[in-house]
Each structure stands twice: as C-alpha cells, then as structure tokens.
Protein backbone atom coordinates (compact mmCIF):
# COMPACT_ATOMS: atom_id res chain seq x y z
CA UNK A 1 14.34 -27.71 -10.75
CA UNK A 2 12.88 -30.73 -8.98
CA UNK A 3 11.82 -32.18 -12.33
CA UNK A 4 13.39 -32.00 -15.75
CA UNK A 5 11.92 -29.89 -18.50
CA UNK A 6 10.85 -32.93 -20.49
CA UNK A 7 9.35 -34.76 -17.53
CA UNK A 8 6.14 -32.95 -18.40
CA UNK A 9 4.54 -36.31 -19.22
CA UNK A 10 4.54 -37.08 -15.48
CA UNK A 11 1.81 -34.43 -15.10
CA UNK A 12 -0.15 -35.13 -18.25
CA UNK A 13 -3.17 -33.05 -17.21
CA UNK A 14 -1.19 -29.83 -16.78
CA UNK A 15 0.83 -30.60 -19.90
CA UNK A 16 -2.31 -31.07 -22.04
CA UNK A 17 -3.81 -27.87 -20.64
CA UNK A 18 -0.53 -26.07 -21.42
CA UNK A 19 -0.72 -27.29 -25.01
CA UNK A 20 -4.35 -26.21 -25.50
CA UNK A 21 -4.63 -23.16 -23.22
CA UNK A 22 -1.19 -21.96 -22.12
CA UNK A 23 -2.71 -18.68 -20.97
CA UNK A 24 -4.78 -20.49 -18.32
CA UNK A 25 -1.83 -22.45 -16.92
CA UNK A 26 0.23 -19.26 -16.92
CA UNK A 27 -2.57 -17.49 -15.01
CA UNK A 28 -2.84 -20.31 -12.46
CA UNK A 29 0.92 -20.42 -11.93
CA UNK A 30 1.03 -16.64 -11.58
CA UNK A 31 -1.76 -16.62 -8.98
CA UNK A 32 -0.12 -19.44 -7.01
CA UNK A 33 3.28 -17.73 -7.06
CA UNK A 34 1.85 -14.32 -6.13
CA UNK A 35 -0.06 -15.85 -3.22
CA UNK A 36 3.06 -17.64 -1.96
CA UNK A 37 5.11 -14.46 -2.19
CA UNK A 38 2.47 -12.24 -0.57
CA UNK A 39 1.36 -14.49 2.28
CA UNK A 40 3.94 -17.28 2.42
CA UNK A 41 1.03 -19.72 2.42
CA UNK A 42 -0.50 -22.01 -0.18
CA UNK A 43 -3.15 -20.51 -2.43
CA UNK A 44 -6.42 -22.08 -1.20
CA UNK A 45 -7.79 -21.90 -4.76
CA UNK A 46 -4.66 -23.60 -6.20
CA UNK A 47 -4.56 -20.97 -8.93
CA UNK A 48 -8.31 -20.89 -9.42
CA UNK A 49 -9.61 -21.14 -12.94
CA UNK A 50 -6.62 -19.27 -14.29
CA UNK A 51 -8.92 -16.90 -16.18
CA UNK A 52 -7.83 -13.68 -14.49
CA UNK A 53 -6.00 -10.62 -15.75
CA UNK A 54 -2.72 -12.51 -16.20
CA UNK A 55 -4.43 -15.10 -18.39
CA UNK A 56 -6.07 -12.37 -20.47
CA UNK A 57 -2.76 -10.56 -20.97
CA UNK A 58 -1.05 -13.80 -22.04
CA UNK A 59 -3.93 -14.61 -24.42
CA UNK A 60 -3.97 -11.10 -25.90
CA UNK A 61 -0.22 -11.17 -26.55
CA UNK A 62 -0.51 -14.61 -28.14
CA UNK A 63 -3.42 -13.65 -30.38
CA UNK A 64 -2.06 -10.26 -31.44
CA UNK A 65 1.56 -11.13 -32.07
CA UNK A 66 2.47 -14.57 -30.69
CA UNK A 67 4.43 -13.12 -27.77
CA UNK A 68 2.56 -14.55 -24.76
CA UNK A 69 5.69 -16.52 -23.92
CA UNK A 70 7.46 -13.25 -23.08
CA UNK A 71 5.39 -12.96 -19.88
CA UNK A 72 6.74 -16.32 -18.80
CA UNK A 73 10.31 -14.98 -18.67
CA UNK A 74 9.70 -12.87 -15.58
CA UNK A 75 7.75 -15.61 -13.86
CA UNK A 76 10.48 -18.16 -14.53
CA UNK A 77 13.14 -15.80 -13.23
CA UNK A 78 11.10 -15.19 -10.08
CA UNK A 79 10.72 -18.92 -9.50
CA UNK A 80 14.44 -19.50 -10.03
CA UNK A 81 15.27 -16.76 -7.52
CA UNK A 82 12.73 -18.00 -4.94
CA UNK A 83 13.98 -21.59 -5.06
CA UNK A 84 17.68 -20.81 -5.73
CA UNK A 85 17.67 -22.61 -9.08
CA UNK A 86 20.60 -22.12 -11.42
CA UNK A 87 19.83 -20.74 -14.84
CA UNK A 88 20.10 -17.67 -17.01
CA UNK A 89 17.83 -15.25 -18.83
CA UNK A 90 19.00 -16.74 -22.13
CA UNK A 91 17.97 -20.25 -21.05
CA UNK A 92 14.66 -18.87 -19.76
CA UNK A 93 14.01 -17.20 -23.10
CA UNK A 94 14.83 -20.30 -25.15
CA UNK A 95 12.78 -22.53 -22.87
CA UNK A 96 9.73 -20.26 -22.91
CA UNK A 97 9.85 -19.77 -26.69
CA UNK A 98 10.57 -23.32 -27.85
CA UNK A 99 9.03 -25.41 -25.04
CA UNK A 100 6.08 -23.44 -23.67
CA UNK A 101 3.93 -26.40 -22.57
CA UNK A 102 6.84 -28.20 -20.91
CA UNK A 103 8.05 -24.99 -19.30
CA UNK A 104 4.64 -24.15 -17.83
CA UNK A 105 4.25 -27.73 -16.57
CA UNK A 106 7.70 -27.63 -14.97
CA UNK A 107 6.84 -24.37 -13.20
CA UNK A 108 3.54 -25.79 -11.98
CA UNK A 109 5.30 -28.85 -10.60
CA UNK A 110 7.93 -26.68 -8.90
CA UNK A 111 5.20 -24.68 -7.18
CA UNK A 112 3.59 -27.94 -6.07
CA UNK A 113 6.82 -28.91 -4.34
CA UNK A 114 6.42 -25.96 -1.96
CA UNK A 115 2.68 -26.32 -1.63
C-alpha cells in the first residue's frame, strides 16, 4: 500500500464519509476499480455519487445484519492483486471488520495513485 492503514487522516474528507456513509465510499471505490479494470482508464466520474447497486448492497447488508464489511474483502483482494500488494485474506478480514473507515480510505487513496 502506498499509505498506511492509519494514515486515513491525510484524506480527512474520505475518512469522514467512510465513518458516516461507508456504503457510499465502497460504491465509489467499486465503480473506480471496475472502470480501471474494464477500460484501463480513469473513471471520468471518479466513482460518481457512490449511490449505485454496490452501495445499496453494502447498505442492505449493514442494516440487516451488520455484514457490509464482507463485501470489502473481495474488493481489497482485487486491489492487492492488481497492485501486487502483499497481504492475506485473514488480514483483509480483520482490517475490513475492525477498521472499516480507515480501510475504505486506504483503498480510495490507492486507486488515486493509479488515477
């Protein structure tokens, strides 16, 4: 990772949004990553509003059973593979569960490095 997990304060806007509306930051990150993977170009909407299907799924899982963080596991693994970042599924799980806002901010910042 280009930034540490707890360097989330360096991007206070994304961090605050991740604390209040993690589903929206997840949706934005997902859209940005999908666009990069599909077209190998930067998403012109920079993730848009984040209120798409991915956001709704994250929100629904959070509201129904508190498991929105589970969706972040696959996204984190995809980012690690794309950027050749060391890590493990266990670390991804612990990070997503215990540090959701910092984890989402770190992913957003990693995507910004390529963009």
